């Protein structure tokens, strides 16, 4: 299949070129994002491959359909960046990568917790400057801490397993009570109970209209003073201004995020020589008890290999059968919203 690959970084080219030795698709890599300005590049391609910060609205989907595109291959699990209703009307199929490495995301979540707790980022900079004082670097034992897991799917369950190894008490919030989490001794509670009881809160749920700004001023007001809040799921789960207010008041004692609700204009690009115009994001970076990473939780060799293989397998399956096991069933997805 002839595939237009947008938003191609060096690591994407490497992983997909290697995986494509097996599938033999005709891939053309474009460094640019897929946007209103670049969508014309996709004309003549029967499939396009996009990432989470390539947004497809109704107008762009119509251009793709008229240009001969039949398949939109997402190299991600989420699909909230595509206008599903419009895609359905135009007969465009959408396939995704439902899982690539839940271990990678869960492990990065723990890395944020450990770094924030033991002030690793601050200690690193001090030592490099010859400052060996440990004033201000006081942490706490994870053993015995209560960890609230919001969303106990595959990633949340693996994260819970790791924290169980530290000797933490586990509580969870999810409509579905995962048997593997119950086996770990997790107690499922309501969201207000989880917010009130947790020393550490980690978000692992999808972004839907119901979970948008799940963590807002009201939710933060229910939390323990000095709580640690971690988000490696989707940026829109947290109202950023509310989090800033929480940091200023001391309710949030530690904030670790790998995602940001306005990240599409920032993440995955080198902006070190530019003035970042997002004042809210810039304010967030001023807090010594906040760590922001640029959506790298998924970024392991194993995950990249799995993403490439599953994406190309999806394209092959669709080319051969006209359908795919990992196809987003648009009607069901819309109904779920």
Protein backbone atom coordinates (compact mmCIF):
# COMPACT_ATOMS: atom_id res chain seq x y z
CA UNK A 1 0.00 0.00 0.00
CA UNK A 2 1.23 3.52 -0.71
CA UNK A 3 1.49 5.28 2.66
CA UNK A 4 2.14 8.96 3.44
CA UNK A 5 3.89 9.06 6.81
CA UNK A 6 3.56 12.44 8.52
CA UNK A 7 5.42 13.93 11.48
CA UNK A 8 8.35 11.58 10.86
CA UNK A 9 11.22 11.82 13.31
CA UNK A 10 14.55 10.03 12.91
CA UNK A 11 13.48 7.29 15.34
CA UNK A 12 10.22 6.78 13.38
CA UNK A 13 12.11 6.40 10.11
CA UNK A 14 14.45 3.88 11.66
CA UNK A 15 11.81 1.71 13.36
CA UNK A 16 9.35 1.76 10.44
CA UNK A 17 12.00 1.18 7.77
CA UNK A 18 13.27 -1.85 9.69
CA UNK A 19 9.77 -3.26 10.29
CA UNK A 20 8.74 -2.62 6.68
CA UNK A 21 11.32 -5.11 5.41
CA UNK A 22 8.69 -7.67 6.34
CA UNK A 23 5.61 -5.88 4.97
CA UNK A 24 6.98 -4.14 1.86
CA UNK A 25 4.65 -1.13 1.81
CA UNK A 26 5.60 1.95 -0.19
CA UNK A 27 6.23 4.51 2.54
CA UNK A 28 7.00 8.18 1.89
CA UNK A 29 8.17 10.02 5.01
CA UNK A 30 7.27 13.67 5.60
CA UNK A 31 8.84 15.59 8.47
CA UNK A 32 5.96 18.04 8.69
CA UNK A 33 2.80 17.65 10.72
CA UNK A 34 -0.40 16.84 8.87
CA UNK A 35 -2.28 20.14 8.83
CA UNK A 36 -4.43 22.32 6.59
CA UNK A 37 -1.21 23.61 5.02
CA UNK A 38 0.26 20.15 4.32
CA UNK A 39 -2.75 17.92 3.70
CA UNK A 40 -2.31 18.30 -0.07
CA UNK A 41 0.86 16.19 0.24
CA UNK A 42 -1.36 13.18 0.99
CA UNK A 43 -3.21 13.35 -2.34
CA UNK A 44 -2.68 10.11 -4.23
CA UNK A 45 -1.83 8.03 -1.18
CA UNK A 46 -4.25 5.24 -0.32
CA UNK A 47 -3.18 5.37 3.34
CA UNK A 48 -1.78 7.98 5.70
CA UNK A 49 -0.02 7.43 9.01
CA UNK A 50 -0.25 10.09 11.73
CA UNK A 51 0.71 10.67 15.37
CA UNK A 52 -1.18 12.17 18.32
CA UNK A 53 -0.38 15.80 17.47
CA UNK A 54 -1.66 15.56 13.90
CA UNK A 55 -5.28 16.68 13.98
CA UNK A 56 -7.83 15.67 11.36
CA UNK A 57 -10.96 17.79 11.18
CA UNK A 58 -13.88 17.46 8.76
CA UNK A 59 -12.33 19.70 6.11
CA UNK A 60 -9.04 17.81 6.06
CA UNK A 61 -10.79 14.44 6.00
CA UNK A 62 -12.81 15.52 2.99
CA UNK A 63 -9.62 16.51 1.15
CA UNK A 64 -8.07 13.14 2.00
CA UNK A 65 -11.12 11.22 0.80
CA UNK A 66 -11.25 13.15 -2.50
CA UNK A 67 -7.51 12.56 -2.93
CA UNK A 68 -7.90 8.79 -2.79
CA UNK A 69 -7.15 8.01 0.85
CA UNK A 70 -9.02 5.00 2.18
CA UNK A 71 -7.19 4.32 5.43
CA UNK A 72 -5.95 6.44 8.34
CA UNK A 73 -3.35 4.52 10.36
CA UNK A 74 -2.81 5.96 13.82
CA UNK A 75 0.49 5.04 15.41
CA UNK A 76 -1.06 5.57 18.82
CA UNK A 77 -3.76 4.08 21.02
CA UNK A 78 -5.86 7.24 21.35
CA UNK A 79 -8.01 8.61 18.54
CA UNK A 80 -9.41 11.83 20.01
CA UNK A 81 -7.43 13.84 17.43
CA UNK A 82 -9.64 12.60 14.57
CA UNK A 83 -13.17 13.75 13.75
CA UNK A 84 -14.72 10.30 13.92
CA UNK A 85 -18.19 11.29 12.73
CA UNK A 86 -16.81 12.92 9.58
CA UNK A 87 -14.51 9.98 8.90
CA UNK A 88 -17.49 7.62 9.11
CA UNK A 89 -19.57 9.69 6.70
CA UNK A 90 -16.70 9.75 4.20
CA UNK A 91 -16.09 6.00 4.45
CA UNK A 92 -12.58 6.39 5.82
CA UNK A 93 -11.32 3.50 7.92
CA UNK A 94 -9.27 4.25 11.04
CA UNK A 95 -6.89 1.75 12.63
CA UNK A 96 -4.83 2.19 15.78
CA UNK A 97 -2.21 0.57 18.00
CA UNK A 98 -4.20 -0.43 21.10
CA UNK A 99 -1.12 -1.43 23.11
CA UNK A 100 2.60 -1.09 22.47
CA UNK A 101 4.34 -1.18 25.86
CA UNK A 102 2.29 -0.62 28.99
CA UNK A 103 5.47 -1.37 30.92
CA UNK A 104 7.20 1.68 29.41
CA UNK A 105 4.49 4.09 30.56
CA UNK A 106 4.12 2.51 33.99
CA UNK A 107 7.87 2.58 34.57
CA UNK A 108 8.14 6.23 33.52
CA UNK A 109 5.37 7.02 35.99
CA UNK A 110 7.46 5.50 38.75
CA UNK A 111 10.52 7.42 37.53
CA UNK A 112 8.61 10.68 37.99
CA UNK A 113 7.52 9.65 41.49
CA UNK A 114 11.05 8.75 42.58
CA UNK A 115 12.56 11.88 41.02
CA UNK A 116 10.04 14.18 42.66
CA UNK A 117 10.19 12.47 46.04
CA UNK A 118 13.98 12.31 46.34
CA UNK A 119 14.56 15.59 44.44
CA UNK A 120 16.86 13.84 41.96
CA UNK A 121 16.57 16.64 39.40
CA UNK A 122 17.63 19.26 41.94
CA UNK A 123 20.41 17.11 43.45
CA UNK A 124 21.85 16.44 39.99
CA UNK A 125 22.18 20.15 39.22
CA UNK A 126 23.64 20.92 42.66
CA UNK A 127 26.36 18.29 42.49
CA UNK A 128 27.43 19.40 39.02
CA UNK A 129 27.97 22.87 40.48
CA UNK A 130 29.98 21.53 43.41
CA UNK A 131 27.15 22.02 45.90
CA UNK A 132 26.84 18.94 48.11
CA UNK A 133 24.35 20.34 50.61
CA UNK A 134 21.29 18.18 51.16
CA UNK A 135 19.18 21.00 52.58
CA UNK A 136 15.79 21.03 50.84
CA UNK A 137 16.16 17.51 49.43
CA UNK A 138 14.15 15.71 52.11
CA UNK A 139 11.91 12.93 50.80
CA UNK A 140 9.58 10.34 52.31
CA UNK A 141 9.43 6.55 52.39
CA UNK A 142 7.23 5.13 49.65
CA UNK A 143 6.74 2.10 51.88
CA UNK A 144 3.40 2.54 53.62
CA UNK A 145 2.22 5.39 51.40
CA UNK A 146 -1.31 5.22 49.97
CA UNK A 147 -1.29 5.28 46.18
CA UNK A 148 -4.50 6.10 44.31
CA UNK A 149 -4.68 4.72 40.78
CA UNK A 150 -7.27 6.39 38.56
CA UNK A 151 -7.86 3.95 35.71
CA UNK A 152 -6.79 0.35 36.25
CA UNK A 153 -6.44 -0.95 32.72
CA UNK A 154 -3.19 -2.54 31.53
CA UNK A 155 -0.94 0.43 32.33
CA UNK A 156 -2.65 1.21 35.63
CA UNK A 157 -2.44 -2.43 36.69
CA UNK A 158 1.28 -2.69 35.90
CA UNK A 159 1.90 0.58 37.74
CA UNK A 160 -0.03 -0.78 40.74
CA UNK A 161 2.07 -3.94 40.69
CA UNK A 162 5.28 -1.91 40.81
CA UNK A 163 4.03 0.26 43.68
CA UNK A 164 2.92 -2.85 45.55
CA UNK A 165 6.56 -3.91 45.40
CA UNK A 166 7.50 -0.73 47.26
CA UNK A 167 5.10 -1.71 50.03
CA UNK A 168 2.41 0.86 49.20
CA UNK A 169 -1.28 0.61 50.05
CA UNK A 170 -3.28 0.55 46.82
CA UNK A 171 -6.68 2.12 46.19
CA UNK A 172 -8.28 2.43 42.77
CA UNK A 173 -11.04 4.19 40.89
CA UNK A 174 -12.47 2.56 37.78
CA UNK A 175 -15.87 1.38 36.59
CA UNK A 176 -14.29 -2.02 35.92
CA UNK A 177 -12.60 -3.74 38.87
CA UNK A 178 -9.52 -5.39 37.40
CA UNK A 179 -9.03 -8.88 38.93
CA UNK A 180 -5.23 -8.51 38.77
CA UNK A 181 -5.47 -5.34 40.86
CA UNK A 182 -7.79 -7.01 43.35
CA UNK A 183 -5.23 -9.80 43.67
CA UNK A 184 -2.65 -7.16 44.65
CA UNK A 185 -4.91 -6.11 47.51
CA UNK A 186 -6.23 -2.96 45.83
CA UNK A 187 -9.42 -1.53 47.29
CA UNK A 188 -11.76 0.18 44.84
CA UNK A 189 -13.31 3.40 46.13
CA UNK A 190 -15.21 6.39 44.77
CA UNK A 191 -13.21 9.21 43.20
CA UNK A 192 -13.80 11.60 46.16
CA UNK A 193 -12.58 8.89 48.54
CA UNK A 194 -9.49 8.28 46.44
CA UNK A 195 -8.69 11.99 46.28
CA UNK A 196 -9.07 12.35 50.04
CA UNK A 197 -7.07 9.27 51.06
CA UNK A 198 -4.15 9.19 48.62
CA UNK A 199 -0.61 10.37 49.29
CA UNK A 200 0.15 9.80 45.61
CA UNK A 201 -2.44 10.03 42.81
CA UNK A 202 -1.57 8.65 39.37
CA UNK A 203 -3.80 9.09 36.33
CA UNK A 204 -4.10 6.21 33.84
CA UNK A 205 -7.53 6.75 32.28
CA UNK A 206 -8.43 7.75 28.71
CA UNK A 207 -9.46 11.28 27.77
CA UNK A 208 -13.19 11.46 27.06
CA UNK A 209 -15.78 14.21 27.52
CA UNK A 210 -16.48 12.69 30.95
CA UNK A 211 -12.82 12.73 32.05
CA UNK A 212 -11.86 16.12 30.57
CA UNK A 213 -10.48 18.21 33.47
CA UNK A 214 -11.18 15.34 35.85
CA UNK A 215 -8.66 17.08 38.09
CA UNK A 216 -9.96 20.62 38.54
CA UNK A 217 -10.26 23.09 41.42
CA UNK A 218 -13.00 21.06 43.04
CA UNK A 219 -11.06 17.81 42.84
CA UNK A 220 -7.87 19.40 44.16
CA UNK A 221 -9.78 20.83 47.12
CA UNK A 222 -10.60 17.25 48.16
CA UNK A 223 -6.96 16.15 48.19
CA UNK A 224 -4.58 15.83 51.13
CA UNK A 225 -2.28 18.78 51.68
CA UNK A 226 1.06 18.01 50.04
CA UNK A 227 -0.29 15.28 47.73
CA UNK A 228 1.79 14.04 44.81
CA UNK A 229 -0.10 14.18 41.48
CA UNK A 230 1.20 12.29 38.43
CA UNK A 231 -0.18 12.25 34.89
CA UNK A 232 1.29 10.06 32.14
CA UNK A 233 -2.03 9.53 30.35
CA UNK A 234 -3.57 12.53 28.56
CA UNK A 235 -2.99 16.22 29.23
CA UNK A 236 -6.64 17.17 29.19
CA UNK A 237 -7.29 15.16 32.35
CA UNK A 238 -5.81 18.03 34.38
CA UNK A 239 -6.96 21.64 34.39
CA UNK A 240 -3.48 23.19 34.25
CA UNK A 241 -4.46 26.48 35.86
CA UNK A 242 -6.11 24.58 38.71
CA UNK A 243 -2.89 22.57 39.16
CA UNK A 244 -0.87 25.79 39.29
CA UNK A 245 -3.22 27.16 41.93
CA UNK A 246 -2.84 23.88 43.83
CA UNK A 247 0.94 24.16 43.72
CA UNK A 248 0.79 27.75 44.94
CA UNK A 249 -1.49 26.86 47.85
CA UNK A 250 0.58 23.81 48.83
CA UNK A 251 -2.29 21.35 48.35
CA UNK A 252 -0.26 19.81 45.54
CA UNK A 253 3.15 19.18 47.05
CA UNK A 254 4.57 17.48 43.98
CA UNK A 255 3.46 17.49 40.34
CA UNK A 256 4.84 15.17 37.67
CA UNK A 257 3.40 15.29 34.16
CA UNK A 258 4.48 13.74 30.88
CA UNK A 259 1.49 15.24 29.07
CA UNK A 260 0.01 18.73 28.84
CA UNK A 261 -3.39 19.82 27.57
CA UNK A 262 -1.88 22.27 25.03
CA UNK A 263 1.11 20.11 24.15
CA UNK A 264 0.45 19.92 20.40
CA UNK A 265 2.26 23.23 19.82
CA UNK A 266 5.21 22.26 22.02
CA UNK A 267 6.07 18.62 22.42
CA UNK A 268 8.27 16.56 20.06
CA UNK A 269 9.94 19.72 18.71
CA UNK A 270 13.19 21.52 19.59
CA UNK A 271 12.09 24.98 20.72
CA UNK A 272 15.25 25.78 22.67
CA UNK A 273 16.04 28.79 20.47
CA UNK A 274 12.54 30.24 20.59
CA UNK A 275 10.47 32.13 23.13
CA UNK A 276 7.64 29.85 24.19
CA UNK A 277 4.41 31.83 23.96
CA UNK A 278 2.34 29.64 26.29
CA UNK A 279 2.40 31.64 29.54
CA UNK A 280 0.55 28.94 31.49
CA UNK A 281 3.14 26.33 30.55
CA UNK A 282 5.98 28.71 31.34
CA UNK A 283 4.50 29.38 34.78
CA UNK A 284 4.32 25.64 35.39
CA UNK A 285 8.05 25.29 34.75
CA UNK A 286 8.92 27.77 37.51
CA UNK A 287 7.91 25.44 40.35
CA UNK A 288 10.81 23.54 41.97
CA UNK A 289 8.43 20.75 42.99
CA UNK A 290 7.15 20.11 39.46
CA UNK A 291 8.71 17.94 36.76
CA UNK A 292 7.52 18.08 33.15
CA UNK A 293 8.70 15.61 30.53
CA UNK A 294 7.75 15.92 26.88
CA UNK A 295 5.45 12.93 26.30
CA UNK A 296 8.30 10.43 26.46
CA UNK A 297 6.73 7.82 28.74
CA UNK A 298 6.11 5.49 25.79
CA UNK A 299 9.59 6.03 24.36
CA UNK A 300 11.48 2.74 24.62
CA UNK A 301 13.05 0.55 21.97
CA UNK A 302 10.48 -2.14 22.57
CA UNK A 303 7.56 0.29 22.27
CA UNK A 304 8.83 1.80 19.01
CA UNK A 305 9.30 -1.68 17.53
CA UNK A 306 5.78 -2.71 18.60
CA UNK A 307 4.23 0.50 17.24
CA UNK A 308 5.90 0.05 13.86
CA UNK A 309 5.04 -3.64 13.56
CA UNK A 310 1.41 -3.24 14.64
CA UNK A 311 0.84 -0.20 12.42
CA UNK A 312 2.21 -1.91 9.33
CA UNK A 313 0.36 -5.11 10.17
CA UNK A 314 -2.86 -3.08 10.42
CA UNK A 315 -2.25 -1.60 6.98
CA UNK A 316 -1.55 -5.03 5.48
CA UNK A 317 -4.65 -6.55 7.08
CA UNK A 318 -6.83 -3.73 5.76
CA UNK A 319 -5.29 -3.98 2.29
CA UNK A 320 -5.98 -7.72 2.14
CA UNK A 321 -9.37 -7.89 3.84
CA UNK A 322 -10.89 -4.42 3.67
CA UNK A 323 -11.13 -4.45 7.46
CA UNK A 324 -8.82 -4.81 10.46
CA UNK A 325 -9.02 -6.20 13.99
CA UNK A 326 -7.61 -2.91 15.35
CA UNK A 327 -10.04 -0.76 13.40
CA UNK A 328 -11.75 1.98 15.39
CA UNK A 329 -15.45 1.22 15.17
CA UNK A 330 -16.54 4.78 14.65
CA UNK A 331 -20.19 4.38 15.59
CA UNK A 332 -19.33 2.62 18.85
CA UNK A 333 -16.66 5.18 19.68
CA UNK A 334 -19.10 8.05 19.15
CA UNK A 335 -21.76 6.28 21.23
CA UNK A 336 -19.24 5.77 24.03
CA UNK A 337 -18.65 9.49 24.15
